[in-house]
Structures are given as C-alpha cells and as structure tokens.
Amino acid sequence: TDPTSPQYGRIIDPYALEEIQYATPCFANSATLLLKEGFYNASFSAFLLNRTILALDAAITALVFGQPHGDQGCAQGHCNFYTMPIMYALEGLTDLAPADKI
C-alpha cells in the first residue's frame, strides 16, 4: 500500500474493491472500543492501534473533502454518517494513542 495514496487508511471492501459507505469511520470506532476494553494481547493491540489511527485519519480527511470528488471525499457521499463514529473514536483514543497521532 502506498502511504501517499488517498486510499491509505480506508477500509476497502475486498469484493467491490472500494470503500463502501461509512466503513472506515465505523472501523475506527469499533477498533477503539475493542482496544479500550483490552480485548487483544499487547502485540496485536499495538498493530490494531496503528491501523485504527490510520483509519481515523482517513475518515477525518474524507470528511474535510466532503462529497466524493475522484479519490477524495466521503465514500459514496455518506458524510452525514461519518461524524458520530469519528467523535467516539477520538474520545476513546485520547487515553490510548499519543497526542500527536490523534
């Protein structure tokens, strides 16, 4: 994966080969909850935290761009559904991730 690509951090559906609706912010929110509850061992938690931060960053970037325009913006125009999972993920990550990462 190319980290300079606008796709980096997005949750891509393996069949459609694109991000579907609000999968990325919901992944960030769900993964944050699992991390906060200590569901995984330390090794996998570190891996998941990295991916969660990437997904959150991608979701926030998409929300900033708004409606889809090429590779930028919210998947399929679902910006209205990005806000709440992003806010829950941000709130949950404050105790888990370094401040410069969120």
C-alpha atoms as a PDB file:
ATOM      1  CA  THR A   1       0.000   0.000   0.000  1.00  0.00           C
ATOM      2  CA  ASP A   2       1.265   3.458  -0.907  1.00  0.00           C
ATOM      3  CA  PRO A   3       1.053   5.718   2.181  1.00  0.00           C
ATOM      4  CA  THR A   4       0.806   8.812  -0.030  1.00  0.00           C
ATOM      5  CA  SER A   5      -2.331   7.452  -1.713  1.00  0.00           C
ATOM      6  CA  PRO A   6      -5.677   8.925  -0.635  1.00  0.00           C
ATOM      7  CA  GLN A   7      -6.816   5.309  -0.159  1.00  0.00           C
ATOM      8  CA  TYR A   8      -4.296   4.725   2.653  1.00  0.00           C
ATOM      9  CA  GLY A   9      -6.141   4.003   5.882  1.00  0.00           C
ATOM     10  CA  ARG A  10      -9.507   3.475   4.259  1.00  0.00           C
ATOM     11  CA  ILE A  11     -11.312   0.186   4.746  1.00  0.00           C
ATOM     12  CA  ILE A  12     -11.625  -1.239   1.246  1.00  0.00           C
ATOM     13  CA  ASP A  13     -14.264  -3.881   0.533  1.00  0.00           C
ATOM     14  CA  PRO A  14     -12.463  -6.937  -0.882  1.00  0.00           C
ATOM     15  CA  TYR A  15     -15.221  -7.654  -3.411  1.00  0.00           C
ATOM     16  CA  ALA A  16     -16.159  -4.167  -4.586  1.00  0.00           C
ATOM     17  CA  LEU A  17     -12.517  -3.003  -4.356  1.00  0.00           C
ATOM     18  CA  GLU A  18     -13.640   0.345  -2.957  1.00  0.00           C
ATOM     19  CA  GLU A  19     -14.680   1.870   0.328  1.00  0.00           C
ATOM     20  CA  ILE A  20     -18.355   1.246   0.999  1.00  0.00           C
ATOM     21  CA  GLN A  21     -20.457   3.913   2.719  1.00  0.00           C
ATOM     22  CA  TYR A  22     -19.035   4.636   6.206  1.00  0.00           C
ATOM     23  CA  ALA A  23     -16.908   1.528   6.780  1.00  0.00           C
ATOM     24  CA  THR A  24     -13.752   3.469   7.661  1.00  0.00           C
ATOM     25  CA  PRO A  25     -15.104   5.660  10.497  1.00  0.00           C
ATOM     26  CA  CYS A  26     -17.095   2.720  11.873  1.00  0.00           C
ATOM     27  CA  PHE A  27     -13.957   0.548  11.827  1.00  0.00           C
ATOM     28  CA  ALA A  28     -12.089   3.262  13.747  1.00  0.00           C
ATOM     29  CA  ASN A  29     -14.900   3.444  16.299  1.00  0.00           C
ATOM     30  CA  SER A  30     -15.238  -0.345  16.706  1.00  0.00           C
ATOM     31  CA  ALA A  31     -11.492  -0.926  16.916  1.00  0.00           C
ATOM     32  CA  THR A  32     -11.186   1.839  19.524  1.00  0.00           C
ATOM     33  CA  LEU A  33     -13.804   0.150  21.684  1.00  0.00           C
ATOM     34  CA  LEU A  34     -12.015  -3.212  21.436  1.00  0.00           C
ATOM     35  CA  LEU A  35      -8.682  -1.586  22.300  1.00  0.00           C
ATOM     36  CA  LYS A  36     -10.148   0.375  25.196  1.00  0.00           C
ATOM     37  CA  GLU A  37     -11.662  -2.779  26.677  1.00  0.00           C
ATOM     38  CA  GLY A  38      -8.350  -4.660  26.370  1.00  0.00           C
ATOM     39  CA  PHE A  39      -9.825  -7.340  24.141  1.00  0.00           C
ATOM     40  CA  TYR A  40      -6.478  -8.239  22.486  1.00  0.00           C
ATOM     41  CA  ASN A  41      -2.968  -9.062  23.702  1.00  0.00           C
ATOM     42  CA  ALA A  42      -0.313  -6.320  23.709  1.00  0.00           C
ATOM     43  CA  SER A  43       1.271  -7.321  20.410  1.00  0.00           C
ATOM     44  CA  PHE A  44      -1.959  -7.320  18.423  1.00  0.00           C
ATOM     45  CA  SER A  45      -3.211  -4.237  20.264  1.00  0.00           C
ATOM     46  CA  ALA A  46      -0.193  -2.243  19.038  1.00  0.00           C
ATOM     47  CA  PHE A  47      -0.852  -3.421  15.471  1.00  0.00           C
ATOM     48  CA  LEU A  48      -4.571  -2.593  15.739  1.00  0.00           C
ATOM     49  CA  LEU A  49      -3.906   0.810  17.296  1.00  0.00           C
ATOM     50  CA  ASN A  50      -1.732   1.738  14.319  1.00  0.00           C
ATOM     51  CA  ARG A  51      -4.461   0.665  11.879  1.00  0.00           C
ATOM     52  CA  THR A  52      -7.122   2.448  13.930  1.00  0.00           C
ATOM     53  CA  ILE A  53      -5.207   5.727  13.798  1.00  0.00           C
ATOM     54  CA  LEU A  54      -4.760   5.338  10.029  1.00  0.00           C
ATOM     55  CA  ALA A  55      -8.478   4.690   9.562  1.00  0.00           C
ATOM     56  CA  LEU A  56      -9.424   7.627  11.767  1.00  0.00           C
ATOM     57  CA  ASP A  57      -7.081   9.912   9.866  1.00  0.00           C
ATOM     58  CA  ALA A  58      -8.522   8.720   6.542  1.00  0.00           C
ATOM     59  CA  ALA A  59     -12.090   9.246   7.781  1.00  0.00           C
ATOM     60  CA  ILE A  60     -11.352  12.773   9.010  1.00  0.00           C
ATOM     61  CA  THR A  61      -9.591  13.614   5.743  1.00  0.00           C
ATOM     62  CA  ALA A  62     -12.571  12.312   3.764  1.00  0.00           C
ATOM     63  CA  LEU A  63     -14.940  14.378   5.897  1.00  0.00           C
ATOM     64  CA  VAL A  64     -12.865  17.505   5.262  1.00  0.00           C
ATOM     65  CA  PHE A  65     -13.154  16.949   1.497  1.00  0.00           C
ATOM     66  CA  GLY A  66     -16.889  16.278   1.797  1.00  0.00           C
ATOM     67  CA  GLN A  67     -18.785  14.837  -1.139  1.00  0.00           C
ATOM     68  CA  PRO A  68     -16.829  12.478  -3.390  1.00  0.00           C
ATOM     69  CA  HIS A  69     -14.573  14.006  -5.988  1.00  0.00           C
ATOM     70  CA  GLY A  70     -12.324  11.419  -7.594  1.00  0.00           C
ATOM     71  CA  ASP A  71     -10.421   9.582  -4.855  1.00  0.00           C
ATOM     72  CA  GLN A  72     -11.182  12.257  -2.260  1.00  0.00           C
ATOM     73  CA  GLY A  73     -14.197  12.726  -0.026  1.00  0.00           C
ATOM     74  CA  CYS A  74     -16.663  10.546   1.839  1.00  0.00           C
ATOM     75  CA  ALA A  75     -17.398   7.153   0.324  1.00  0.00           C
ATOM     76  CA  GLN A  76     -20.495   7.244  -1.843  1.00  0.00           C
ATOM     77  CA  GLY A  77     -21.475  10.627  -0.379  1.00  0.00           C
ATOM     78  CA  HIS A  78     -22.215   9.337   3.128  1.00  0.00           C
ATOM     79  CA  CYS A  79     -20.622  12.237   5.019  1.00  0.00           C
ATOM     80  CA  ASN A  80     -23.633  12.542   7.329  1.00  0.00           C
ATOM     81  CA  PHE A  81     -22.745   9.198   8.869  1.00  0.00           C
ATOM     82  CA  TYR A  82     -19.049   9.948   9.467  1.00  0.00           C
ATOM     83  CA  THR A  83     -19.330  12.422  12.347  1.00  0.00           C
ATOM     84  CA  MET A  84     -20.555  10.273  15.227  1.00  0.00           C
ATOM     85  CA  PRO A  85     -18.158   7.310  14.814  1.00  0.00           C
ATOM     86  CA  ILE A  86     -15.277   9.759  14.329  1.00  0.00           C
ATOM     87  CA  MET A  87     -16.144  11.595  17.539  1.00  0.00           C
ATOM     88  CA  TYR A  88     -16.499   8.356  19.527  1.00  0.00           C
ATOM     89  CA  ALA A  89     -13.166   7.107  18.188  1.00  0.00           C
ATOM     90  CA  LEU A  90     -11.438  10.404  19.012  1.00  0.00           C
ATOM     91  CA  GLU A  91     -12.824  10.336  22.530  1.00  0.00           C
ATOM     92  CA  GLY A  92     -11.778   6.725  23.089  1.00  0.00           C
ATOM     93  CA  LEU A  93      -8.293   7.158  21.657  1.00  0.00           C
ATOM     94  CA  THR A  94      -7.334  10.041  23.955  1.00  0.00           C
ATOM     95  CA  ASP A  95      -6.124   7.551  26.589  1.00  0.00           C
ATOM     96  CA  LEU A  96      -4.671   5.025  24.128  1.00  0.00           C
ATOM     97  CA  ALA A  97      -2.734   6.927  21.479  1.00  0.00           C
ATOM     98  CA  PRO A  98      -0.014   9.582  21.646  1.00  0.00           C
ATOM     99  CA  ALA A  99      -1.495  13.080  21.474  1.00  0.00           C
ATOM    100  CA  ASP A 100       0.408  13.889  18.259  1.00  0.00           C
ATOM    101  CA  LYS A 101      -1.286  10.948  16.499  1.00  0.00           C
ATOM    102  CA  ILE A 102      -4.890  11.979  17.114  1.00  0.00           C
END
